[in-house]
Amino acid sequence: QVQLKESGGGSVQSGGSLRLSCVASGSTSEIWLTAWFRQAPGKEREFVAALHKSGDDTTWYSDDVKGRFTIAGDYARNTVYLQMNSLEPEDTAVYYCAAREAGQFNPYVPSGYDYWGQGTQVTVSS
């Protein structure tokens, strides 16, 4: 079993930055893919970014955040970060960390993940 805990959310003005952290505990050696999703009020949970724990750390980003957000891992600390720059009011949502074990996967869909954190709120004001 794996437990995920997010932190780093908060309130910022448009154009500001935040860095979210996702710390994993438990059977962390089983984690193969870590991702960030977000969910705004009244909307479905949507993919933000994913990181494959491989030799080259392959990453995926949604078109909405590409060029503004960066996902990176510190495996010694069992932590994955989401650096968010040039934040916009449309980025306001609860951000969730998700992880999955090895196997065939589609990084973009929530159903592909085995473990989820509780979420951290990000609010961007104009």
Foldseek 3Di string as FASTA:
>chain_A
DKAKAKDWADEEAAQAKIKMKIAMDDPLVQWFKKFKWWDDPPGDIWGAKMWGPDPVGDMDGDPVQPPFWDWDDDVVRRMIMIIGGRDDQVPWTWMKMFTAGDDDADRTDPVRTDYIYPTDTHGYHD
